Amino acid sequence: MSEDWVSENLKERLINSMRVASTPELMPARQGNLSVRDPDTGYLAITPHAYAYAVMNVEDLVVLDPAGEKVAGKHEPSADSRVHATVYRERADVNAVIHSEPPYVNAFGALGREIHTITTNGLKSSRGDVPIMPFWAGARDEAFALDMLQVMGDRDAVIWRNHGLVVVADSIELAVDKTIGVEFNAQVLFIALQVGQPQGLRYGGDSRILTSDLGD
């Protein structure tokens, strides 16, 4: 049974986090997707494809095996399920993935610009400037996911150009916090750029937060 593959507690936490994230400011309408990995089994639960968040509950989640194959659920999984499964396979530190469509992140994405971290919360959320990569119709397979992970490096966020944000974390609650943090940083960066050239933030070798001119 699916209860053995992904714990009920994890699935309930996924639904609770979905309710926090599924706002017009982060995941408008039916955009985006969320997943968790059960560290005890390696199986994952993911939100279904094109399903309304307002009526979604635990029974609507889809369970996938570590290879990304559906093993339980009455709906089809998110179209990005292969991306999620590949992230979990390649990054042992990740137990939650969120793809969202926040407007300020999308604005930078539409311009083809990475998002420089200029707030401490933004830096903690992404672990550095948020890189950008191309996105195209059908770009949701394992090869695309591997390219994405290469672009991300050791960071926890990446922009899909014209198609939103992907954030990874150790827990689904932290993934929501990081998504909010990256979007907030993008909003502050957008405002600051209307006035002048803000100072960026980065981690030093001893994990201290250092300032730097953008582009350094």
N, C-alpha and C. Protein backbone atom coordinates (compact mmCIF):
# COMPACT_ATOMS: atom_id res chain seq x y z
N MET A 1 0.84 -1.19 0.00
CA MET A 1 0.00 0.00 0.00
C MET A 1 0.88 1.25 0.00
N SER A 2 0.30 2.36 -0.51
CA SER A 2 1.06 3.60 -0.60
C SER A 2 1.48 4.12 0.77
N GLU A 3 0.71 3.76 1.84
CA GLU A 3 1.07 4.20 3.17
C GLU A 3 2.45 3.70 3.57
N ASP A 4 2.86 2.58 3.00
CA ASP A 4 4.17 2.03 3.30
C ASP A 4 5.27 2.74 2.52
N TRP A 5 4.91 3.35 1.38
CA TRP A 5 5.91 3.99 0.52
C TRP A 5 6.24 5.41 0.97
N VAL A 6 5.23 6.18 1.30
CA VAL A 6 5.42 7.55 1.80
C VAL A 6 4.54 7.71 3.04
N SER A 7 5.13 8.13 4.14
CA SER A 7 4.38 8.20 5.39
C SER A 7 3.22 9.19 5.29
N GLU A 8 2.15 8.90 6.03
CA GLU A 8 1.00 9.79 6.05
C GLU A 8 1.38 11.16 6.59
N ASN A 9 2.29 11.18 7.55
CA ASN A 9 2.74 12.45 8.11
C ASN A 9 3.38 13.33 7.04
N LEU A 10 4.23 12.74 6.21
CA LEU A 10 4.87 13.50 5.15
C LEU A 10 3.85 14.02 4.14
N LYS A 11 2.88 13.19 3.80
CA LYS A 11 1.86 13.62 2.84
C LYS A 11 1.00 14.75 3.41
N GLU A 12 0.68 14.66 4.69
CA GLU A 12 -0.09 15.73 5.32
C GLU A 12 0.72 17.02 5.37
N ARG A 13 2.00 16.91 5.64
CA ARG A 13 2.87 18.09 5.63
C ARG A 13 2.96 18.69 4.24
N LEU A 14 2.97 17.85 3.22
CA LEU A 14 2.99 18.35 1.85
C LEU A 14 1.72 19.15 1.55
N ILE A 15 0.57 18.62 1.93
CA ILE A 15 -0.70 19.33 1.70
C ILE A 15 -0.73 20.64 2.48
N ASN A 16 -0.30 20.62 3.73
CA ASN A 16 -0.28 21.84 4.53
C ASN A 16 0.64 22.89 3.90
N SER A 17 1.78 22.47 3.41
CA SER A 17 2.71 23.40 2.77
C SER A 17 2.16 23.91 1.44
N MET A 18 1.45 23.04 0.73
CA MET A 18 0.81 23.47 -0.51
C MET A 18 -0.18 24.59 -0.25
N ARG A 19 -0.90 24.50 0.86
CA ARG A 19 -1.89 25.53 1.17
C ARG A 19 -1.21 26.87 1.47
N VAL A 20 -0.02 26.84 2.02
CA VAL A 20 0.73 28.07 2.26
C VAL A 20 1.26 28.65 0.94
N ALA A 21 1.73 27.78 0.06
CA ALA A 21 2.41 28.24 -1.16
C ALA A 21 1.47 28.57 -2.30
N SER A 22 0.27 28.00 -2.31
CA SER A 22 -0.62 28.16 -3.47
C SER A 22 -1.39 29.47 -3.40
N THR A 23 -0.65 30.56 -3.55
CA THR A 23 -1.22 31.90 -3.54
C THR A 23 -0.94 32.56 -4.88
N PRO A 24 -1.67 33.64 -5.22
CA PRO A 24 -1.38 34.34 -6.48
C PRO A 24 0.04 34.89 -6.55
N GLU A 25 0.66 35.10 -5.37
CA GLU A 25 2.01 35.64 -5.33
C GLU A 25 3.08 34.59 -5.58
N LEU A 26 2.73 33.32 -5.48
CA LEU A 26 3.73 32.26 -5.66
C LEU A 26 3.31 31.23 -6.70
N MET A 27 2.08 30.74 -6.61
CA MET A 27 1.62 29.68 -7.50
C MET A 27 0.20 29.99 -7.96
N PRO A 28 0.02 30.94 -8.87
CA PRO A 28 -1.32 31.33 -9.30
C PRO A 28 -2.06 30.21 -10.01
N ALA A 29 -3.38 30.19 -9.81
CA ALA A 29 -4.24 29.20 -10.46
C ALA A 29 -3.73 27.79 -10.16
N ARG A 30 -3.42 27.01 -11.19
CA ARG A 30 -2.95 25.63 -10.99
C ARG A 30 -1.48 25.48 -11.35
N GLN A 31 -0.76 26.61 -11.36
CA GLN A 31 0.64 26.59 -11.75
C GLN A 31 1.51 25.98 -10.66
N GLY A 32 2.61 25.36 -11.08
CA GLY A 32 3.60 24.86 -10.14
C GLY A 32 3.31 23.45 -9.65
N ASN A 33 4.20 22.95 -8.80
CA ASN A 33 4.07 21.62 -8.23
C ASN A 33 4.99 21.48 -7.02
N LEU A 34 4.65 20.54 -6.15
CA LEU A 34 5.43 20.29 -4.94
C LEU A 34 5.59 18.79 -4.76
N SER A 35 6.69 18.41 -4.14
CA SER A 35 6.89 16.99 -3.82
C SER A 35 7.74 16.84 -2.57
N VAL A 36 7.63 15.66 -1.97
CA VAL A 36 8.48 15.28 -0.84
C VAL A 36 9.02 13.88 -1.09
N ARG A 37 10.18 13.62 -0.53
CA ARG A 37 10.74 12.26 -0.56
C ARG A 37 10.73 11.70 0.85
N ASP A 38 10.29 10.46 0.97
CA ASP A 38 10.36 9.77 2.26
C ASP A 38 11.78 9.23 2.41
N PRO A 39 12.57 9.75 3.34
CA PRO A 39 13.96 9.31 3.46
C PRO A 39 14.10 7.85 3.88
N ASP A 40 13.04 7.27 4.44
CA ASP A 40 13.10 5.88 4.87
C ASP A 40 12.91 4.89 3.72
N THR A 41 12.22 5.33 2.66
CA THR A 41 11.93 4.41 1.55
C THR A 41 12.50 4.87 0.21
N GLY A 42 12.76 6.18 0.07
CA GLY A 42 13.20 6.72 -1.21
C GLY A 42 12.06 7.03 -2.16
N TYR A 43 10.83 6.68 -1.79
CA TYR A 43 9.67 6.98 -2.63
C TYR A 43 9.25 8.43 -2.41
N LEU A 44 8.51 8.99 -3.39
CA LEU A 44 8.10 10.37 -3.28
C LEU A 44 6.62 10.55 -3.51
N ALA A 45 6.08 11.58 -2.90
CA ALA A 45 4.70 12.00 -3.13
C ALA A 45 4.74 13.35 -3.82
N ILE A 46 3.91 13.51 -4.85
CA ILE A 46 3.92 14.73 -5.66
C ILE A 46 2.49 15.16 -5.95
N THR A 47 2.31 16.45 -6.14
CA THR A 47 0.99 16.95 -6.49
C THR A 47 0.61 16.50 -7.90
N PRO A 48 -0.69 16.29 -8.15
CA PRO A 48 -1.13 15.81 -9.46
C PRO A 48 -1.08 16.90 -10.53
N HIS A 49 -1.15 16.46 -11.76
CA HIS A 49 -1.08 17.36 -12.91
C HIS A 49 -2.36 18.19 -13.03
N ALA A 50 -2.19 19.53 -13.11
CA ALA A 50 -3.28 20.46 -13.42
C ALA A 50 -4.51 20.26 -12.53
N TYR A 51 -4.27 20.06 -11.25
CA TYR A 51 -5.37 19.84 -10.30
C TYR A 51 -5.49 21.06 -9.40
N ALA A 52 -6.70 21.49 -9.14
CA ALA A 52 -6.94 22.71 -8.37
C ALA A 52 -6.44 22.57 -6.94
N TYR A 53 -5.59 23.50 -6.51
CA TYR A 53 -5.06 23.45 -5.16
C TYR A 53 -6.15 23.63 -4.11
N ALA A 54 -7.18 24.40 -4.43
CA ALA A 54 -8.22 24.71 -3.45
C ALA A 54 -8.96 23.48 -2.95
N VAL A 55 -9.02 22.44 -3.76
CA VAL A 55 -9.76 21.23 -3.37
C VAL A 55 -8.84 20.02 -3.20
N MET A 56 -7.55 20.22 -3.28
CA MET A 56 -6.61 19.10 -3.19
C MET A 56 -6.46 18.63 -1.74
N ASN A 57 -6.40 17.31 -1.56
CA ASN A 57 -6.15 16.74 -0.24
C ASN A 57 -5.18 15.57 -0.36
N VAL A 58 -4.90 14.92 0.75
CA VAL A 58 -3.91 13.85 0.77
C VAL A 58 -4.24 12.75 -0.24
N GLU A 59 -5.51 12.43 -0.39
CA GLU A 59 -5.90 11.36 -1.30
C GLU A 59 -5.63 11.69 -2.77
N ASP A 60 -5.40 12.96 -3.07
CA ASP A 60 -5.13 13.37 -4.45
C ASP A 60 -3.65 13.29 -4.82
N LEU A 61 -2.78 13.12 -3.85
CA LEU A 61 -1.35 13.04 -4.13
C LEU A 61 -1.02 11.76 -4.89
N VAL A 62 0.04 11.83 -5.67
CA VAL A 62 0.50 10.68 -6.46
C VAL A 62 1.81 10.20 -5.87
N VAL A 63 1.96 8.90 -5.72
CA VAL A 63 3.18 8.30 -5.18
C VAL A 63 4.00 7.72 -6.32
N LEU A 64 5.29 8.05 -6.32
CA LEU A 64 6.22 7.58 -7.35
C LEU A 64 7.34 6.79 -6.70
N ASP A 65 7.88 5.82 -7.44
CA ASP A 65 9.06 5.11 -6.94
C ASP A 65 10.29 5.98 -7.20
N PRO A 66 11.48 5.58 -6.71
CA PRO A 66 12.67 6.41 -6.87
C PRO A 66 13.03 6.70 -8.32
N ALA A 67 12.58 5.88 -9.26
CA ALA A 67 12.85 6.12 -10.68
C ALA A 67 11.84 7.08 -11.30
N GLY A 68 10.83 7.49 -10.53
CA GLY A 68 9.83 8.42 -11.04
C GLY A 68 8.63 7.76 -11.65
N GLU A 69 8.47 6.44 -11.46
CA GLU A 69 7.31 5.71 -12.00
C GLU A 69 6.16 5.74 -11.00
N LYS A 70 4.97 5.96 -11.49
CA LYS A 70 3.79 6.01 -10.63
C LYS A 70 3.49 4.63 -10.04
N VAL A 71 3.27 4.59 -8.73
CA VAL A 71 2.91 3.34 -8.07
C VAL A 71 1.58 3.44 -7.34
N ALA A 72 1.08 4.66 -7.12
CA ALA A 72 -0.20 4.82 -6.44
C ALA A 72 -0.76 6.20 -6.71
N GLY A 73 -2.09 6.29 -6.72
CA GLY A 73 -2.75 7.57 -6.91
C GLY A 73 -3.80 7.51 -8.00
N LYS A 74 -4.88 8.28 -7.83
CA LYS A 74 -5.97 8.26 -8.80
C LYS A 74 -5.81 9.29 -9.91
N HIS A 75 -4.76 10.13 -9.81
CA HIS A 75 -4.51 11.13 -10.83
C HIS A 75 -3.16 10.87 -11.50
N GLU A 76 -2.90 11.60 -12.56
CA GLU A 76 -1.58 11.58 -13.17
C GLU A 76 -0.67 12.54 -12.40
N PRO A 77 0.62 12.21 -12.29
CA PRO A 77 1.52 13.10 -11.55
C PRO A 77 1.81 14.38 -12.32
N SER A 78 2.35 15.34 -11.63
CA SER A 78 2.78 16.58 -12.27
C SER A 78 3.65 16.29 -13.49
N ALA A 79 3.54 17.16 -14.49
CA ALA A 79 4.35 17.00 -15.70
C ALA A 79 5.84 17.10 -15.41
N ASP A 80 6.20 17.68 -14.26
CA ASP A 80 7.61 17.82 -13.89
C ASP A 80 8.11 16.69 -13.01
N SER A 81 7.37 15.59 -12.94
CA SER A 81 7.72 14.52 -12.00
C SER A 81 9.10 13.93 -12.27
N ARG A 82 9.51 13.85 -13.53
CA ARG A 82 10.84 13.31 -13.84
C ARG A 82 11.94 14.22 -13.31
N VAL A 83 11.68 15.52 -13.36
CA VAL A 83 12.65 16.47 -12.82
C VAL A 83 12.79 16.25 -11.32
N HIS A 84 11.68 16.14 -10.62
CA HIS A 84 11.72 15.91 -9.17
C HIS A 84 12.48 14.63 -8.84
N ALA A 85 12.14 13.54 -9.53
CA ALA A 85 12.79 12.25 -9.24
C ALA A 85 14.29 12.31 -9.47
N THR A 86 14.71 13.01 -10.52
CA THR A 86 16.14 13.12 -10.82
C THR A 86 16.86 13.93 -9.76
N VAL A 87 16.23 15.00 -9.29
CA VAL A 87 16.84 15.80 -8.22
C VAL A 87 17.08 14.95 -6.99
N TYR A 88 16.09 14.16 -6.60
CA TYR A 88 16.24 13.32 -5.41
C TYR A 88 17.34 12.28 -5.60
N ARG A 89 17.46 11.75 -6.79
CA ARG A 89 18.48 10.74 -7.05
C ARG A 89 19.88 11.34 -6.98
N GLU A 90 20.03 12.56 -7.45
CA GLU A 90 21.35 13.17 -7.58
C GLU A 90 21.78 13.97 -6.36
N ARG A 91 20.83 14.43 -5.55
CA ARG A 91 21.18 15.25 -4.39
C ARG A 91 20.60 14.63 -3.12
N ALA A 92 21.47 13.96 -2.39
CA ALA A 92 21.03 13.27 -1.17
C ALA A 92 20.58 14.23 -0.08
N ASP A 93 20.97 15.50 -0.19
CA ASP A 93 20.59 16.49 0.82
C ASP A 93 19.18 17.02 0.64
N VAL A 94 18.51 16.62 -0.44
CA VAL A 94 17.20 17.18 -0.78
C VAL A 94 16.08 16.19 -0.47
N ASN A 95 15.07 16.66 0.25
CA ASN A 95 13.88 15.84 0.53
C ASN A 95 12.59 16.56 0.15
N ALA A 96 12.71 17.73 -0.50
CA ALA A 96 11.53 18.46 -0.95
C ALA A 96 11.90 19.34 -2.14
N VAL A 97 10.98 19.43 -3.10
CA VAL A 97 11.18 20.24 -4.30
C VAL A 97 9.90 21.03 -4.55
N ILE A 98 10.05 22.32 -4.88
CA ILE A 98 8.90 23.15 -5.25
C ILE A 98 9.22 23.88 -6.55
N HIS A 99 8.31 23.77 -7.51
CA HIS A 99 8.34 24.62 -8.70
C HIS A 99 7.21 25.63 -8.58
N SER A 100 7.54 26.91 -8.62
CA SER A 100 6.55 27.97 -8.44
C SER A 100 6.65 28.98 -9.58
N GLU A 101 5.71 29.93 -9.58
CA GLU A 101 5.65 30.93 -10.65
C GLU A 101 5.54 32.35 -10.07
N PRO A 102 6.43 32.74 -9.17
CA PRO A 102 6.32 34.07 -8.56
C PRO A 102 6.63 35.18 -9.56
N PRO A 103 5.88 36.29 -9.53
CA PRO A 103 5.99 37.29 -10.59
C PRO A 103 7.33 38.01 -10.68
N TYR A 104 7.94 38.35 -9.56
CA TYR A 104 9.21 39.08 -9.65
C TYR A 104 10.33 38.17 -10.16
N VAL A 105 10.34 36.93 -9.70
CA VAL A 105 11.30 35.96 -10.25
C VAL A 105 11.06 35.79 -11.75
N ASN A 106 9.80 35.68 -12.14
CA ASN A 106 9.48 35.51 -13.56
C ASN A 106 9.87 36.74 -14.38
N ALA A 107 9.79 37.92 -13.78
CA ALA A 107 10.20 39.13 -14.49
C ALA A 107 11.69 39.09 -14.82
N PHE A 108 12.51 38.71 -13.84
CA PHE A 108 13.94 38.57 -14.12
C PHE A 108 14.19 37.44 -15.11
N GLY A 109 13.42 36.36 -14.98
CA GLY A 109 13.57 35.26 -15.92
C GLY A 109 13.24 35.66 -17.34
N ALA A 110 12.19 36.46 -17.52
CA ALA A 110 11.81 36.91 -18.86
C ALA A 110 12.89 37.79 -19.48
N LEU A 111 13.64 38.48 -18.62
CA LEU A 111 14.74 39.32 -19.10
C LEU A 111 16.03 38.53 -19.30
N GLY A 112 16.02 37.26 -18.90
CA GLY A 112 17.22 36.45 -19.02
C GLY A 112 18.29 36.83 -18.02
N ARG A 113 17.88 37.34 -16.85
CA ARG A 113 18.83 37.83 -15.85
C ARG A 113 18.79 36.96 -14.60
N GLU A 114 19.96 36.60 -14.10
CA GLU A 114 20.01 35.92 -12.81
C GLU A 114 19.59 36.89 -11.72
N ILE A 115 19.24 36.35 -10.57
CA ILE A 115 18.80 37.18 -9.45
C ILE A 115 19.94 37.28 -8.44
N HIS A 116 20.50 38.46 -8.31
CA HIS A 116 21.55 38.67 -7.32
C HIS A 116 20.95 38.72 -5.92
N THR A 117 21.63 38.15 -4.98
CA THR A 117 21.16 38.18 -3.59
C THR A 117 21.61 39.49 -2.95
N ILE A 118 20.63 40.26 -2.47
CA ILE A 118 20.94 41.52 -1.80
C ILE A 118 20.30 41.59 -0.42
N THR A 119 19.58 40.54 -0.02
CA THR A 119 19.01 40.46 1.33
C THR A 119 19.56 39.21 2.01
N THR A 120 19.68 39.27 3.33
CA THR A 120 20.20 38.10 4.05
C THR A 120 19.26 36.91 3.91
N ASN A 121 17.95 37.17 3.91
CA ASN A 121 16.99 36.08 3.75
C ASN A 121 17.13 35.46 2.37
N GLY A 122 17.34 36.30 1.36
CA GLY A 122 17.54 35.77 0.02
C GLY A 122 18.77 34.90 -0.07
N LEU A 123 19.85 35.33 0.59
CA LEU A 123 21.08 34.55 0.57
C LEU A 123 20.90 33.21 1.27
N LYS A 124 20.22 33.22 2.41
CA LYS A 124 19.97 31.98 3.13
C LYS A 124 19.04 31.05 2.34
N SER A 125 18.16 31.64 1.54
CA SER A 125 17.19 30.85 0.78
C SER A 125 17.81 30.14 -0.41
N SER A 126 18.73 30.82 -1.09
CA SER A 126 19.29 30.26 -2.33
C SER A 126 20.74 29.83 -2.21
N ARG A 127 21.43 30.31 -1.15
CA ARG A 127 22.86 30.05 -0.94
C ARG A 127 23.73 30.69 -2.02
N GLY A 128 23.26 31.78 -2.58
CA GLY A 128 24.02 32.50 -3.59
C GLY A 128 23.10 33.10 -4.63
N ASP A 129 23.68 33.82 -5.59
CA ASP A 129 22.87 34.36 -6.68
C ASP A 129 22.11 33.23 -7.36
N VAL A 130 20.88 33.51 -7.76
CA VAL A 130 20.03 32.49 -8.37
C VAL A 130 20.29 32.45 -9.87
N PRO A 131 20.86 31.36 -10.38
CA PRO A 131 21.18 31.29 -11.81
C PRO A 131 19.94 31.06 -12.66
N ILE A 132 20.09 31.23 -13.96
CA ILE A 132 18.98 31.07 -14.88
C ILE A 132 19.37 30.09 -15.98
N MET A 133 18.40 29.34 -16.46
CA MET A 133 18.65 28.39 -17.54
C MET A 133 17.48 28.43 -18.52
N PRO A 134 17.68 28.01 -19.76
CA PRO A 134 16.59 28.01 -20.74
C PRO A 134 15.53 26.98 -20.37
N PHE A 135 14.31 27.27 -20.77
CA PHE A 135 13.21 26.31 -20.65
C PHE A 135 12.46 26.29 -21.97
N TRP A 136 12.05 25.11 -22.38
CA TRP A 136 11.31 24.99 -23.63
C TRP A 136 10.25 23.91 -23.46
N ALA A 137 9.27 23.92 -24.34
CA ALA A 137 8.20 22.93 -24.28
C ALA A 137 8.78 21.52 -24.34
N GLY A 138 8.39 20.69 -23.40
CA GLY A 138 8.90 19.33 -23.35
C GLY A 138 10.17 19.17 -22.54
N ALA A 139 10.68 20.30 -22.00
CA ALA A 139 11.95 20.24 -21.25
C ALA A 139 11.72 19.79 -19.82
N ARG A 140 11.25 18.57 -19.68
CA ARG A 140 10.93 18.08 -18.34
C ARG A 140 11.44 16.66 -18.13
N ASP A 141 12.43 16.25 -18.89
CA ASP A 141 12.93 14.89 -18.77
C ASP A 141 14.19 14.84 -17.91
N GLU A 142 14.77 13.66 -17.81
CA GLU A 142 15.96 13.48 -16.97
C GLU A 142 17.13 14.31 -17.46
N ALA A 143 17.32 14.38 -18.78
CA ALA A 143 18.44 15.16 -19.32
C ALA A 143 18.31 16.63 -18.94
N PHE A 144 17.09 17.15 -19.02
CA PHE A 144 16.86 18.54 -18.62
C PHE A 144 17.17 18.72 -17.13
N ALA A 145 16.73 17.77 -16.32
CA ALA A 145 16.97 17.86 -14.88
C ALA A 145 18.46 17.84 -14.56
N LEU A 146 19.22 17.02 -15.26
CA LEU A 146 20.66 16.96 -15.03
C LEU A 146 21.33 18.27 -15.43
N ASP A 147 20.87 18.86 -16.53
CA ASP A 147 21.38 20.19 -16.92
C ASP A 147 21.06 21.22 -15.84
N MET A 148 19.85 21.14 -15.31
CA MET A 148 19.44 22.07 -14.26
C MET A 148 20.32 21.95 -13.03
N LEU A 149 20.60 20.73 -12.62
CA LEU A 149 21.44 20.52 -11.44
C LEU A 149 22.86 21.02 -11.67
N GLN A 150 23.35 20.92 -12.88
CA GLN A 150 24.68 21.44 -13.19
C GLN A 150 24.69 22.96 -13.08
N VAL A 151 23.63 23.60 -13.56
CA VAL A 151 23.52 25.06 -13.46
C VAL A 151 23.42 25.48 -11.99
N MET A 152 22.68 24.74 -11.19
CA MET A 152 22.50 25.07 -9.78
C MET A 152 23.78 24.92 -8.98
N GLY A 153 24.57 23.91 -9.28
CA GLY A 153 25.74 23.64 -8.46
C GLY A 153 25.31 23.30 -7.05
N ASP A 154 25.90 23.98 -6.05
CA ASP A 154 25.54 23.70 -4.66
C ASP A 154 24.47 24.65 -4.14
N ARG A 155 23.86 25.41 -5.04
CA ARG A 155 22.80 26.33 -4.63
C ARG A 155 21.46 25.60 -4.55
N ASP A 156 20.49 26.28 -3.96
CA ASP A 156 19.19 25.64 -3.70
C ASP A 156 18.07 26.22 -4.53
N ALA A 157 18.39 27.01 -5.55
CA ALA A 157 17.35 27.61 -6.37
C ALA A 157 17.88 27.85 -7.78
N VAL A 158 16.96 27.81 -8.74
CA VAL A 158 17.30 28.09 -10.14
C VAL A 158 16.05 28.64 -10.83
N ILE A 159 16.28 29.54 -11.80
CA ILE A 159 15.18 30.10 -12.58
C ILE A 159 15.09 29.34 -13.90
N TRP A 160 13.88 28.93 -14.23
CA TRP A 160 13.60 28.45 -15.59
C TRP A 160 13.14 29.66 -16.39
N ARG A 161 13.89 30.04 -17.40
CA ARG A 161 13.56 31.27 -18.11
C ARG A 161 12.13 31.21 -18.66
N ASN A 162 11.36 32.25 -18.36
CA ASN A 162 9.96 32.38 -18.76
C ASN A 162 9.05 31.33 -18.13
N HIS A 163 9.55 30.61 -17.12
CA HIS A 163 8.71 29.54 -16.57
C HIS A 163 8.91 29.33 -15.07
N GLY A 164 9.36 30.34 -14.35
CA GLY A 164 9.31 30.25 -12.91
C GLY A 164 10.58 29.81 -12.21
N LEU A 165 10.40 29.29 -11.02
CA LEU A 165 11.47 29.02 -10.07
C LEU A 165 11.40 27.59 -9.56
N VAL A 166 12.56 26.98 -9.35
CA VAL A 166 12.65 25.69 -8.67
C VAL A 166 13.52 25.87 -7.43
N VAL A 167 13.01 25.40 -6.30
CA VAL A 167 13.73 25.47 -5.03
C VAL A 167 13.78 24.07 -4.43
N VAL A 168 14.91 23.73 -3.84
CA VAL A 168 15.07 22.44 -3.17
C VAL A 168 15.45 22.67 -1.72
N ALA A 169 15.10 21.71 -0.85
CA ALA A 169 15.40 21.85 0.57
C ALA A 169 15.34 20.49 1.24
N ASP A 170 15.73 20.48 2.51
CA ASP A 170 15.70 19.25 3.30
C ASP A 170 14.29 18.89 3.74
N SER A 171 13.41 19.88 3.83
CA SER A 171 12.03 19.62 4.24
C SER A 171 11.09 20.47 3.40
N ILE A 172 9.84 20.08 3.32
CA ILE A 172 8.87 20.82 2.51
C ILE A 172 8.59 22.19 3.13
N GLU A 173 8.59 22.27 4.45
CA GLU A 173 8.37 23.57 5.09
C GLU A 173 9.50 24.54 4.76
N LEU A 174 10.74 24.03 4.79
CA LEU A 174 11.88 24.88 4.45
C LEU A 174 11.86 25.26 2.97
N ALA A 175 11.39 24.36 2.12
CA ALA A 175 11.28 24.67 0.70
C ALA A 175 10.31 25.82 0.46
N VAL A 176 9.20 25.85 1.21
CA VAL A 176 8.27 26.97 1.11
C VAL A 176 8.94 28.26 1.57
N ASP A 177 9.63 28.20 2.70
CA ASP A 177 10.32 29.38 3.21
C ASP A 177 11.34 29.90 2.20
N LYS A 178 12.07 29.00 1.58
CA LYS A 178 13.07 29.40 0.59
C LYS A 178 12.42 30.02 -0.64
N THR A 179 11.30 29.46 -1.07
CA THR A 179 10.58 30.03 -2.21
C THR A 179 10.15 31.46 -1.91
N ILE A 180 9.60 31.67 -0.73
CA ILE A 180 9.20 33.01 -0.31
C ILE A 180 10.41 33.93 -0.24
N GLY A 181 11.51 33.42 0.31
CA GLY A 181 12.72 34.22 0.46
C GLY A 181 13.31 34.65 -0.86
N VAL A 182 13.33 33.76 -1.84
CA VAL A 182 13.87 34.10 -3.16
C VAL A 182 12.99 35.14 -3.84
N GLU A 183 11.67 34.98 -3.76
CA GLU A 183 10.76 35.96 -4.37
C GLU A 183 10.86 37.32 -3.68
N PHE A 184 10.96 37.33 -2.36
CA PHE A 184 11.11 38.59 -1.63
C PHE A 184 12.40 39.29 -2.05
N ASN A 185 13.49 38.54 -2.15
CA ASN A 185 14.76 39.12 -2.58
C ASN A 185 14.64 39.69 -3.99
N ALA A 186 13.94 38.98 -4.88
CA ALA A 186 13.75 39.47 -6.25
C ALA A 186 12.95 40.77 -6.26
N GLN A 187 11.96 40.86 -5.39
CA GLN A 187 11.15 42.08 -5.31
C GLN A 187 11.99 43.25 -4.81
N VAL A 188 12.78 43.03 -3.76
CA VAL A 188 13.64 44.09 -3.23
C VAL A 188 14.68 44.49 -4.27
N LEU A 189 15.25 43.52 -4.98
CA LEU A 189 16.23 43.83 -6.02
C LEU A 189 15.60 44.68 -7.12
N PHE A 190 14.39 44.32 -7.53
CA PHE A 190 13.70 45.09 -8.57
C PHE A 190 13.51 46.54 -8.13
N ILE A 191 13.07 46.74 -6.89
CA ILE A 191 12.85 48.09 -6.37
C ILE A 191 14.17 48.85 -6.29
N ALA A 192 15.21 48.20 -5.76
CA ALA A 192 16.50 48.86 -5.61
C ALA A 192 17.08 49.29 -6.94
N LEU A 193 16.89 48.49 -7.98
CA LEU A 193 17.43 48.82 -9.29
C LEU A 193 16.75 50.03 -9.92
N GLN A 194 15.57 50.40 -9.43
CA GLN A 194 14.92 51.61 -9.93
C GLN A 194 15.63 52.87 -9.43
N VAL A 195 16.38 52.72 -8.35
CA VAL A 195 17.03 53.87 -7.72
C VAL A 195 18.52 53.92 -8.01
N GLY A 196 19.16 52.76 -8.02
CA GLY A 196 20.60 52.73 -8.21
C GLY A 196 21.11 51.30 -8.31
N GLN A 197 22.37 51.12 -7.95
CA GLN A 197 23.01 49.82 -8.03
C GLN A 197 23.21 49.28 -6.62
N PRO A 198 22.41 48.31 -6.21
CA PRO A 198 22.52 47.81 -4.84
C PRO A 198 23.79 46.98 -4.63
N GLN A 199 24.12 46.78 -3.38
CA GLN A 199 25.26 45.96 -3.02
C GLN A 199 24.81 44.52 -2.82
N GLY A 200 25.57 43.58 -3.35
CA GLY A 200 25.21 42.18 -3.24
C GLY A 200 25.76 41.54 -1.98
N LEU A 201 25.26 40.34 -1.69
CA LEU A 201 25.71 39.57 -0.54
C LEU A 201 26.20 38.20 -1.01
N ARG A 202 27.20 37.68 -0.32
CA ARG A 202 27.69 36.34 -0.62
C ARG A 202 28.30 35.77 0.65
N TYR A 203 28.45 34.45 0.66
CA TYR A 203 29.08 33.78 1.78
C TYR A 203 30.59 33.76 1.60
N GLY A 204 31.33 34.05 2.68
CA GLY A 204 32.76 33.89 2.66
C GLY A 204 33.14 32.45 2.96
N GLY A 205 34.42 32.16 2.92
CA GLY A 205 34.87 30.80 3.15
C GLY A 205 34.55 30.28 4.53
N ASP A 206 34.40 31.18 5.49
CA ASP A 206 34.06 30.78 6.86
C ASP A 206 32.58 30.94 7.15
N SER A 207 31.77 31.01 6.08
CA SER A 207 30.31 31.13 6.16
C SER A 207 29.84 32.50 6.65
N ARG A 208 30.76 33.45 6.82
CA ARG A 208 30.33 34.80 7.12
C ARG A 208 29.69 35.42 5.89
N ILE A 209 28.74 36.32 6.11
CA ILE A 209 28.10 37.02 5.00
C ILE A 209 28.94 38.24 4.63
N LEU A 210 29.35 38.30 3.38
CA LEU A 210 30.18 39.39 2.89
C LEU A 210 29.41 40.21 1.86
N THR A 211 29.76 41.48 1.75
CA THR A 211 29.15 42.33 0.73
C THR A 211 30.07 42.42 -0.48
N SER A 212 29.48 42.67 -1.63
CA SER A 212 30.26 42.81 -2.85
C SER A 212 29.44 43.58 -3.87
N ASP A 213 30.12 44.24 -4.79
CA ASP A 213 29.42 44.90 -5.88
C ASP A 213 28.82 43.84 -6.79
N LEU A 214 27.64 44.09 -7.31
CA LEU A 214 27.00 43.13 -8.19
C LEU A 214 27.86 42.88 -9.41
N GLY A 215 28.03 41.61 -9.73
CA GLY A 215 28.86 41.24 -10.87
C GLY A 215 30.26 40.84 -10.49
N ASP A 216 30.66 41.11 -9.21
CA ASP A 216 32.00 40.69 -8.77
C ASP A 216 32.07 39.18 -8.60
